[in-house]
């Protein structure tokens, strides 16, 4: 499932993040690349241990927890601490697949990367190029979202970022270990949850709502990997 989630951050939160990020010290993005992707990666990144990355990362994580679409679609068990990157002056990231396991820096914790996420922090009119291109079983998808919006997709997907030819593309990126590792099962649960919510809104007292909610939780109980 490839899903666009609007307004994860408010305009005020985006502005707060950008003020901090625009003042931050950026380094070569290769510092977090795996062996294969290091050859394709050409961007800038905030050091993982920087105070700015930690503070804005906490803002992002709090916003994700409050977002019902993210929670329903990702069913997060663990979220890798958000990272931040910037592309400008022709920088790009060639086709690659994300590492299956990520070690959380400074801890013994590992995150299985079931889902990848990019949270856009630049408005589309601030830069040219920089599209995220994701390849899945349904074809090739080109993504360029407003600031504050997020794209969520299986981390097993091949993807790349096109060169930025004007301005700067600033974003947060991170990975999610889901309670349900299979993308097909997650998609069924998300579709069922959305249908239940619509039924409850339109017909609050419909008896089927309780029955369908039971089906949802029984499927989640069957598929969850905790």
Protein backbone atom coordinates (compact mmCIF):
# COMPACT_ATOMS: atom_id res chain seq x y z
CA UNK A 1 0.00 0.00 0.00
CA UNK A 2 1.25 3.44 -0.96
CA UNK A 3 -0.64 6.08 1.00
CA UNK A 4 -0.48 9.87 1.10
CA UNK A 5 -1.44 11.36 4.48
CA UNK A 6 -2.08 15.13 4.44
CA UNK A 7 -1.52 17.61 7.26
CA UNK A 8 0.54 15.43 9.57
CA UNK A 9 2.19 18.67 10.67
CA UNK A 10 0.31 21.97 10.87
CA UNK A 11 1.66 25.03 9.01
CA UNK A 12 2.91 26.37 12.35
CA UNK A 13 4.77 23.13 13.07
CA UNK A 14 6.29 23.11 9.59
CA UNK A 15 7.47 26.69 10.10
CA UNK A 16 8.98 25.78 13.48
CA UNK A 17 10.78 22.80 11.97
CA UNK A 18 12.11 24.81 9.04
CA UNK A 19 13.44 27.62 11.24
CA UNK A 20 15.44 25.08 13.21
CA UNK A 21 16.57 23.06 10.20
CA UNK A 22 17.60 26.10 8.16
CA UNK A 23 19.98 27.10 10.97
CA UNK A 24 21.36 23.59 11.50
CA UNK A 25 24.73 22.20 10.43
CA UNK A 26 24.26 19.62 7.67
CA UNK A 27 26.67 16.81 6.75
CA UNK A 28 27.09 14.41 3.83
CA UNK A 29 24.06 12.09 3.72
CA UNK A 30 26.25 9.05 3.08
CA UNK A 31 26.71 8.70 6.86
CA UNK A 32 23.51 6.63 7.16
CA UNK A 33 23.68 4.82 3.83
CA UNK A 34 24.15 1.08 3.55
CA UNK A 35 26.94 -0.36 1.39
CA UNK A 36 24.79 -0.55 -1.74
CA UNK A 37 22.89 2.73 -1.40
CA UNK A 38 26.03 4.71 -0.51
CA UNK A 39 27.03 4.58 -4.16
CA UNK A 40 23.70 6.14 -5.20
CA UNK A 41 23.20 8.68 -2.40
CA UNK A 42 24.05 12.34 -2.92
CA UNK A 43 22.36 14.63 -0.41
CA UNK A 44 22.82 16.34 2.93
CA UNK A 45 21.61 15.13 6.31
CA UNK A 46 21.44 16.25 9.91
CA UNK A 47 23.72 14.22 12.18
CA UNK A 48 21.61 11.67 14.06
CA UNK A 49 22.93 12.88 17.40
CA UNK A 50 22.24 16.57 16.80
CA UNK A 51 19.98 18.42 19.23
CA UNK A 52 17.94 19.84 16.34
CA UNK A 53 17.27 16.37 14.92
CA UNK A 54 16.21 15.11 18.35
CA UNK A 55 13.90 18.06 19.08
CA UNK A 56 12.19 18.18 15.69
CA UNK A 57 12.07 14.39 15.63
CA UNK A 58 10.09 14.42 18.87
CA UNK A 59 7.68 16.93 17.31
CA UNK A 60 7.19 14.57 14.35
CA UNK A 61 6.67 11.50 16.54
CA UNK A 62 4.06 13.30 18.67
CA UNK A 63 2.21 14.37 15.53
CA UNK A 64 2.21 10.81 14.19
CA UNK A 65 0.68 9.49 17.42
CA UNK A 66 -2.17 11.98 17.07
CA UNK A 67 -2.85 11.14 13.42
CA UNK A 68 -5.58 8.46 13.12
CA UNK A 69 -4.85 7.67 9.46
CA UNK A 70 -1.19 7.01 10.19
CA UNK A 71 -2.01 4.86 13.21
CA UNK A 72 -4.62 2.84 11.28
CA UNK A 73 -2.51 2.34 8.16
CA UNK A 74 0.90 1.69 9.75
CA UNK A 75 -0.22 -0.10 12.93
CA UNK A 76 3.15 0.94 14.39
CA UNK A 77 4.99 -1.19 16.90
CA UNK A 78 8.25 0.78 16.70
CA UNK A 79 9.19 3.95 14.82
CA UNK A 80 12.81 4.67 14.02
CA UNK A 81 13.78 8.15 15.31
CA UNK A 82 13.08 10.57 12.42
CA UNK A 83 16.03 11.66 10.30
CA UNK A 84 16.25 14.79 8.15
CA UNK A 85 17.69 15.32 4.69
CA UNK A 86 18.13 18.12 2.17
CA UNK A 87 18.67 18.01 -1.59
CA UNK A 88 19.88 20.99 -3.61
CA UNK A 89 22.21 21.89 -6.47
CA UNK A 90 21.44 18.79 -8.56
CA UNK A 91 21.65 16.32 -5.68
CA UNK A 92 19.66 13.09 -5.96
CA UNK A 93 19.38 9.55 -4.64
CA UNK A 94 19.56 6.74 -7.17
CA UNK A 95 17.37 3.65 -7.19
CA UNK A 96 17.77 1.58 -4.03
CA UNK A 97 15.92 -0.51 -1.45
CA UNK A 98 16.06 0.32 2.25
CA UNK A 99 17.92 -1.90 4.71
CA UNK A 100 15.68 -4.53 6.29
CA UNK A 101 16.94 -3.88 9.83
CA UNK A 102 18.02 -0.57 11.37
CA UNK A 103 19.94 -0.25 14.63
CA UNK A 104 18.71 2.67 16.74
CA UNK A 105 21.89 4.66 17.47
CA UNK A 106 23.11 4.52 21.04
CA UNK A 107 20.78 1.67 22.01
CA UNK A 108 20.47 -2.11 21.74
CA UNK A 109 17.15 -1.72 19.90
CA UNK A 110 16.63 -2.77 16.31
CA UNK A 111 13.74 -1.85 14.01
CA UNK A 112 12.50 -4.10 11.22
CA UNK A 113 11.72 -1.71 8.37
CA UNK A 114 8.28 -2.80 7.20
CA UNK A 115 7.33 0.71 6.04
CA UNK A 116 9.24 3.73 4.81
CA UNK A 117 7.94 7.26 5.31
CA UNK A 118 8.88 10.66 3.91
CA UNK A 119 7.43 13.77 5.54
CA UNK A 120 7.82 16.77 3.23
CA UNK A 121 9.00 20.01 4.87
CA UNK A 122 9.38 22.14 1.71
CA UNK A 123 6.46 23.45 -0.32
CA UNK A 124 6.46 22.22 -3.95
CA UNK A 125 7.04 25.75 -5.27
CA UNK A 126 10.27 26.07 -3.27
CA UNK A 127 12.17 23.68 -5.55
CA UNK A 128 12.20 21.99 -8.95
CA UNK A 129 12.74 18.25 -9.34
CA UNK A 130 13.18 16.19 -6.20
CA UNK A 131 10.25 13.85 -6.84
CA UNK A 132 10.20 10.63 -4.86
CA UNK A 133 9.64 7.78 -7.30
CA UNK A 134 8.39 4.48 -5.84
CA UNK A 135 8.13 1.24 -7.82
CA UNK A 136 5.71 -1.45 -6.67
CA UNK A 137 3.64 -4.25 -8.15
CA UNK A 138 1.15 -1.71 -9.51
CA UNK A 139 3.67 0.40 -11.41
CA UNK A 140 5.76 3.51 -10.87
CA UNK A 141 4.44 6.31 -8.63
CA UNK A 142 5.84 9.84 -8.57
CA UNK A 143 5.32 11.73 -5.31
CA UNK A 144 5.68 15.44 -4.54
CA UNK A 145 3.54 16.58 -1.60
CA UNK A 146 2.82 19.84 0.23
CA UNK A 147 4.86 20.64 3.32
CA UNK A 148 3.45 18.80 6.34
CA UNK A 149 2.18 15.85 4.30
CA UNK A 150 3.59 12.33 4.46
CA UNK A 151 3.95 9.44 2.03
CA UNK A 152 3.93 5.91 3.46
CA UNK A 153 5.01 2.88 1.42
CA UNK A 154 6.47 -0.63 1.86
CA UNK A 155 10.18 -0.44 2.62
CA UNK A 156 10.73 -3.36 0.25
CA UNK A 157 9.89 -1.07 -2.70
CA UNK A 158 12.56 0.15 -5.08
CA UNK A 159 12.61 3.95 -4.96
CA UNK A 160 14.71 6.98 -5.84
CA UNK A 161 14.74 10.78 -5.58
CA UNK A 162 15.13 12.80 -8.78
CA UNK A 163 17.74 15.59 -8.96
CA UNK A 164 16.77 18.92 -7.41
CA UNK A 165 17.56 21.56 -10.02
CA UNK A 166 16.34 24.68 -8.16
CA UNK A 167 15.95 25.53 -4.50
CA UNK A 168 16.11 22.95 -1.71
CA UNK A 169 13.94 19.94 -0.88
CA UNK A 170 13.88 19.42 2.89
CA UNK A 171 12.20 16.38 4.43
CA UNK A 172 12.09 14.00 7.36
CA UNK A 173 12.40 10.29 6.67
CA UNK A 174 12.06 7.28 8.92
CA UNK A 175 10.96 3.66 9.09
CA UNK A 176 8.19 1.81 10.91
CA UNK A 177 8.08 -1.71 12.28
CA UNK A 178 4.41 -2.60 12.08
CA UNK A 179 2.48 -4.96 14.34
CA UNK A 180 1.42 -6.59 11.05
CA UNK A 181 4.48 -7.18 8.87
CA UNK A 182 2.63 -8.32 5.72
CA UNK A 183 1.63 -5.41 3.47
CA UNK A 184 -1.42 -7.23 2.08
CA UNK A 185 -2.77 -7.95 5.55
CA UNK A 186 -2.15 -4.36 6.67
CA UNK A 187 -4.01 -3.09 3.63
CA UNK A 188 -7.04 -5.31 4.35
CA UNK A 189 -7.13 -4.12 7.96
CA UNK A 190 -6.85 -0.47 6.91
CA UNK A 191 -9.64 -0.78 4.34
CA UNK A 192 -11.84 -2.56 6.88
CA UNK A 193 -11.14 0.10 9.54
CA UNK A 194 -11.99 2.92 7.10
CA UNK A 195 -15.24 1.16 6.14
CA UNK A 196 -16.22 0.68 9.80
CA UNK A 197 -15.55 4.34 10.56
CA UNK A 198 -17.68 5.43 7.59
CA UNK A 199 -20.51 3.13 8.67
CA UNK A 200 -20.41 4.51 12.23
CA UNK A 201 -20.47 8.11 10.96
CA UNK A 202 -23.35 7.55 8.55
CA UNK A 203 -25.41 5.02 10.54
CA UNK A 204 -24.27 5.22 14.18
CA UNK A 205 -26.67 2.58 15.50
CA UNK A 206 -26.21 -0.02 12.75
CA UNK A 207 -25.77 -3.46 14.33
CA UNK A 208 -23.23 -4.45 11.67
CA UNK A 209 -20.74 -1.97 13.10
CA UNK A 210 -20.19 -4.11 16.20
CA UNK A 211 -19.92 -7.29 14.14
CA UNK A 212 -17.43 -5.76 11.71
CA UNK A 213 -15.39 -4.30 14.56
CA UNK A 214 -15.17 -7.81 15.98
CA UNK A 215 -13.95 -9.12 12.64
CA UNK A 216 -11.30 -6.37 12.54
CA UNK A 217 -9.95 -7.19 15.99
CA UNK A 218 -10.02 -10.93 15.40
CA UNK A 219 -7.98 -10.45 12.23
CA UNK A 220 -5.57 -8.15 14.05
CA UNK A 221 -5.26 -10.71 16.84
CA UNK A 222 -4.49 -13.40 14.23
CA UNK A 223 -1.92 -11.38 12.28
CA UNK A 224 -0.23 -9.20 14.91
CA UNK A 225 3.44 -9.90 15.56
CA UNK A 226 4.44 -8.35 18.90
